[in-house]
């Protein structure tokens, strides 16, 4: 169950921070509406890495569609990898 608290709880931030763990952010509301999320730094870094990977994959897909795809033998040759299959 999500941990939702009013932003006024930050007056005693120690209580708010103790409730944060990986995969369990604390959501803060302002005037009864969701406004902020406080997440564990590991979760933040993981999310940033996932977003970066997804962006690179999207760029690769776009490049493949625009410039054409490269077959696996060409990729392995470019990387200096020998195909043992």
N, C-alpha and C. Protein backbone atom coordinates (compact mmCIF):
# COMPACT_ATOMS: atom_id res chain seq x y z
N UNK A 1 0.84 -1.18 0.00
CA UNK A 1 0.00 0.00 0.00
C UNK A 1 0.89 1.24 0.00
N UNK A 2 0.58 2.22 -0.87
CA UNK A 2 1.44 3.40 -0.94
C UNK A 2 1.41 4.21 0.35
N UNK A 3 2.55 4.82 0.62
CA UNK A 3 2.68 5.68 1.79
C UNK A 3 2.42 7.11 1.34
N UNK A 4 1.25 7.63 1.65
CA UNK A 4 0.85 8.97 1.25
C UNK A 4 0.70 9.83 2.49
N UNK A 5 1.40 10.98 2.46
CA UNK A 5 1.37 11.87 3.63
C UNK A 5 1.25 13.31 3.17
N UNK A 6 0.68 14.15 4.01
CA UNK A 6 0.61 15.57 3.65
C UNK A 6 2.01 16.20 3.76
N UNK A 7 2.25 17.19 2.93
CA UNK A 7 3.55 17.84 2.92
C UNK A 7 3.87 18.46 4.27
N UNK A 8 2.87 18.79 5.04
CA UNK A 8 3.10 19.37 6.37
C UNK A 8 3.85 18.40 7.28
N UNK A 9 3.82 17.09 6.98
CA UNK A 9 4.57 16.11 7.77
C UNK A 9 6.08 16.33 7.69
N UNK A 10 6.52 17.11 6.70
CA UNK A 10 7.96 17.38 6.59
C UNK A 10 8.48 18.23 7.74
N UNK A 11 7.59 18.80 8.52
CA UNK A 11 8.05 19.53 9.71
C UNK A 11 8.83 18.60 10.62
N UNK A 12 8.43 17.34 10.63
CA UNK A 12 9.15 16.31 11.37
C UNK A 12 9.67 15.31 10.34
N UNK A 13 10.65 15.77 9.53
CA UNK A 13 11.13 14.98 8.39
C UNK A 13 11.73 13.64 8.77
N UNK A 14 12.20 13.48 9.99
CA UNK A 14 12.78 12.21 10.41
C UNK A 14 11.74 11.09 10.30
N UNK A 15 10.52 11.36 10.70
CA UNK A 15 9.45 10.36 10.58
C UNK A 15 9.16 10.02 9.13
N UNK A 16 9.20 11.02 8.26
CA UNK A 16 8.94 10.79 6.84
C UNK A 16 10.07 9.96 6.23
N UNK A 17 11.31 10.32 6.54
CA UNK A 17 12.46 9.64 5.95
C UNK A 17 12.58 8.18 6.40
N UNK A 18 12.16 7.86 7.59
CA UNK A 18 12.28 6.48 8.07
C UNK A 18 11.33 5.54 7.32
N UNK A 19 10.32 6.10 6.68
CA UNK A 19 9.36 5.29 5.94
C UNK A 19 9.78 5.02 4.49
N UNK A 20 10.90 5.58 4.06
CA UNK A 20 11.35 5.42 2.67
C UNK A 20 12.28 4.23 2.57
N UNK A 21 12.04 3.38 1.57
CA UNK A 21 12.96 2.29 1.26
C UNK A 21 12.86 2.00 -0.23
N UNK A 22 13.74 1.13 -0.72
CA UNK A 22 13.72 0.79 -2.14
C UNK A 22 12.35 0.22 -2.48
N UNK A 23 11.80 0.67 -3.58
CA UNK A 23 10.48 0.26 -4.06
C UNK A 23 9.33 0.71 -3.16
N UNK A 24 9.60 1.57 -2.18
CA UNK A 24 8.54 2.08 -1.32
C UNK A 24 8.74 3.57 -1.08
N UNK A 25 8.40 4.38 -2.08
CA UNK A 25 8.54 5.83 -1.90
C UNK A 25 7.48 6.38 -0.96
N UNK A 26 7.70 7.60 -0.52
CA UNK A 26 6.69 8.33 0.24
C UNK A 26 6.15 9.41 -0.70
N UNK A 27 4.84 9.43 -0.87
CA UNK A 27 4.20 10.43 -1.71
C UNK A 27 3.66 11.54 -0.83
N UNK A 28 3.99 12.77 -1.20
CA UNK A 28 3.55 13.92 -0.42
C UNK A 28 2.44 14.66 -1.17
N UNK A 29 1.43 15.05 -0.42
CA UNK A 29 0.33 15.78 -1.01
C UNK A 29 0.36 17.23 -0.57
N UNK A 30 -0.15 18.09 -1.42
CA UNK A 30 -0.30 19.51 -1.10
C UNK A 30 -1.72 19.88 -1.47
N UNK A 31 -2.44 20.39 -0.51
CA UNK A 31 -3.86 20.71 -0.69
C UNK A 31 -4.66 19.49 -1.15
N UNK A 32 -4.28 18.32 -0.63
CA UNK A 32 -5.02 17.10 -0.92
C UNK A 32 -4.70 16.44 -2.25
N UNK A 33 -3.75 16.97 -3.00
CA UNK A 33 -3.39 16.41 -4.30
C UNK A 33 -1.94 15.98 -4.30
N UNK A 34 -1.65 14.89 -5.02
CA UNK A 34 -0.28 14.41 -5.13
C UNK A 34 0.62 15.49 -5.69
N UNK A 35 1.76 15.70 -5.05
CA UNK A 35 2.66 16.77 -5.49
C UNK A 35 4.11 16.31 -5.61
N UNK A 36 4.60 15.52 -4.66
CA UNK A 36 6.00 15.10 -4.65
C UNK A 36 6.11 13.62 -4.30
N UNK A 37 7.25 13.05 -4.67
CA UNK A 37 7.57 11.69 -4.26
C UNK A 37 9.00 11.70 -3.73
N UNK A 38 9.21 11.11 -2.59
CA UNK A 38 10.54 10.97 -2.01
C UNK A 38 10.93 9.51 -2.16
N UNK A 39 12.05 9.28 -2.85
CA UNK A 39 12.48 7.91 -3.10
C UNK A 39 13.89 7.68 -2.59
N UNK A 40 14.21 6.43 -2.34
CA UNK A 40 15.55 6.01 -1.93
C UNK A 40 16.52 6.31 -3.07
N UNK A 41 17.75 6.71 -2.75
CA UNK A 41 18.73 7.08 -3.78
C UNK A 41 19.03 5.90 -4.72
N UNK A 42 19.02 4.69 -4.22
CA UNK A 42 19.24 3.52 -5.09
C UNK A 42 18.13 3.41 -6.13
N UNK A 43 16.91 3.65 -5.71
CA UNK A 43 15.77 3.61 -6.62
C UNK A 43 15.88 4.73 -7.65
N UNK A 44 16.30 5.90 -7.22
CA UNK A 44 16.49 7.03 -8.12
C UNK A 44 17.55 6.71 -9.18
N UNK A 45 18.69 6.19 -8.76
CA UNK A 45 19.76 5.85 -9.69
C UNK A 45 19.32 4.75 -10.65
N UNK A 46 18.60 3.76 -10.15
CA UNK A 46 18.10 2.68 -10.99
C UNK A 46 17.14 3.24 -12.05
N UNK A 47 16.26 4.12 -11.64
CA UNK A 47 15.30 4.72 -12.56
C UNK A 47 16.00 5.54 -13.63
N UNK A 48 17.00 6.31 -13.24
CA UNK A 48 17.76 7.10 -14.22
C UNK A 48 18.48 6.20 -15.21
N UNK A 49 19.06 5.09 -14.73
CA UNK A 49 19.76 4.16 -15.63
C UNK A 49 18.77 3.53 -16.62
N UNK A 50 17.60 3.18 -16.14
CA UNK A 50 16.58 2.59 -17.01
C UNK A 50 16.15 3.60 -18.08
N UNK A 51 15.94 4.84 -17.68
CA UNK A 51 15.55 5.87 -18.64
C UNK A 51 16.63 6.10 -19.69
N UNK A 52 17.88 6.09 -19.26
CA UNK A 52 18.99 6.27 -20.20
C UNK A 52 19.05 5.10 -21.18
N UNK A 53 18.91 3.88 -20.68
CA UNK A 53 18.91 2.70 -21.53
C UNK A 53 17.75 2.75 -22.53
N UNK A 54 16.56 3.09 -22.06
CA UNK A 54 15.41 3.17 -22.95
C UNK A 54 15.61 4.22 -24.03
N UNK A 55 16.22 5.34 -23.67
CA UNK A 55 16.51 6.39 -24.64
C UNK A 55 17.49 5.90 -25.70
N UNK A 56 18.54 5.21 -25.28
CA UNK A 56 19.53 4.67 -26.22
C UNK A 56 18.90 3.62 -27.14
N UNK A 57 18.04 2.77 -26.58
CA UNK A 57 17.37 1.78 -27.41
C UNK A 57 16.45 2.44 -28.43
N UNK A 58 15.76 3.50 -28.03
CA UNK A 58 14.90 4.23 -28.95
C UNK A 58 15.73 4.88 -30.05
N UNK A 59 16.88 5.44 -29.69
CA UNK A 59 17.77 6.03 -30.70
C UNK A 59 18.26 4.98 -31.68
N UNK A 60 18.61 3.80 -31.16
CA UNK A 60 19.05 2.71 -32.04
C UNK A 60 17.95 2.26 -32.98
N UNK A 61 16.74 2.14 -32.46
CA UNK A 61 15.62 1.74 -33.31
C UNK A 61 15.36 2.78 -34.39
N UNK A 62 15.40 4.05 -34.01
CA UNK A 62 15.19 5.13 -34.99
C UNK A 62 16.26 5.09 -36.06
N UNK A 63 17.50 4.90 -35.63
CA UNK A 63 18.61 4.83 -36.58
C UNK A 63 18.44 3.65 -37.54
N UNK A 64 18.03 2.51 -37.01
CA UNK A 64 17.81 1.33 -37.84
C UNK A 64 16.72 1.56 -38.86
N UNK A 65 15.65 2.22 -38.46
CA UNK A 65 14.54 2.49 -39.37
C UNK A 65 14.93 3.50 -40.44
N UNK A 66 15.73 4.49 -40.06
CA UNK A 66 16.10 5.55 -41.00
C UNK A 66 17.26 5.15 -41.90
N UNK A 67 18.27 4.49 -41.33
CA UNK A 67 19.51 4.20 -42.06
C UNK A 67 19.63 2.75 -42.48
N UNK A 68 18.72 1.90 -42.02
CA UNK A 68 18.79 0.48 -42.34
C UNK A 68 19.47 -0.28 -41.22
N UNK A 69 19.10 -1.53 -41.15
CA UNK A 69 19.61 -2.39 -40.08
C UNK A 69 20.92 -3.04 -40.51
N UNK A 70 21.74 -3.41 -39.55
CA UNK A 70 23.01 -4.10 -39.79
C UNK A 70 22.84 -5.54 -39.31
N UNK A 71 23.27 -6.48 -40.12
CA UNK A 71 23.11 -7.88 -39.72
C UNK A 71 24.13 -8.24 -38.63
N UNK A 72 23.88 -9.32 -37.94
CA UNK A 72 24.70 -9.72 -36.79
C UNK A 72 26.15 -9.98 -37.16
N UNK A 73 26.40 -10.53 -38.35
CA UNK A 73 27.78 -10.79 -38.77
C UNK A 73 28.58 -9.49 -38.90
N UNK A 74 27.93 -8.46 -39.42
CA UNK A 74 28.60 -7.16 -39.57
C UNK A 74 28.88 -6.55 -38.19
N UNK A 75 27.92 -6.66 -37.29
CA UNK A 75 28.10 -6.12 -35.93
C UNK A 75 29.25 -6.84 -35.24
N UNK A 76 29.27 -8.16 -35.32
CA UNK A 76 30.35 -8.93 -34.69
C UNK A 76 31.69 -8.57 -35.29
N UNK A 77 31.74 -8.36 -36.60
CA UNK A 77 32.98 -7.97 -37.25
C UNK A 77 33.44 -6.59 -36.77
N UNK A 78 32.50 -5.65 -36.67
CA UNK A 78 32.82 -4.30 -36.21
C UNK A 78 33.35 -4.31 -34.78
N UNK A 79 32.82 -5.22 -33.95
CA UNK A 79 33.23 -5.32 -32.55
C UNK A 79 34.42 -6.24 -32.33
N UNK A 80 34.85 -6.90 -33.38
CA UNK A 80 35.97 -7.84 -33.25
C UNK A 80 35.58 -9.11 -32.53
N UNK A 81 34.34 -9.49 -32.65
CA UNK A 81 33.85 -10.71 -32.00
C UNK A 81 33.71 -11.79 -33.06
N UNK A 82 34.20 -12.96 -32.74
CA UNK A 82 34.09 -14.07 -33.67
C UNK A 82 32.84 -14.88 -33.34
N UNK A 83 32.09 -15.21 -34.37
CA UNK A 83 30.88 -16.00 -34.21
C UNK A 83 31.26 -17.47 -34.10
N UNK A 84 30.96 -18.10 -32.96
CA UNK A 84 31.28 -19.50 -32.74
C UNK A 84 30.09 -20.41 -33.03
N UNK A 85 29.09 -19.89 -33.72
CA UNK A 85 27.89 -20.68 -33.96
C UNK A 85 27.84 -21.15 -35.33
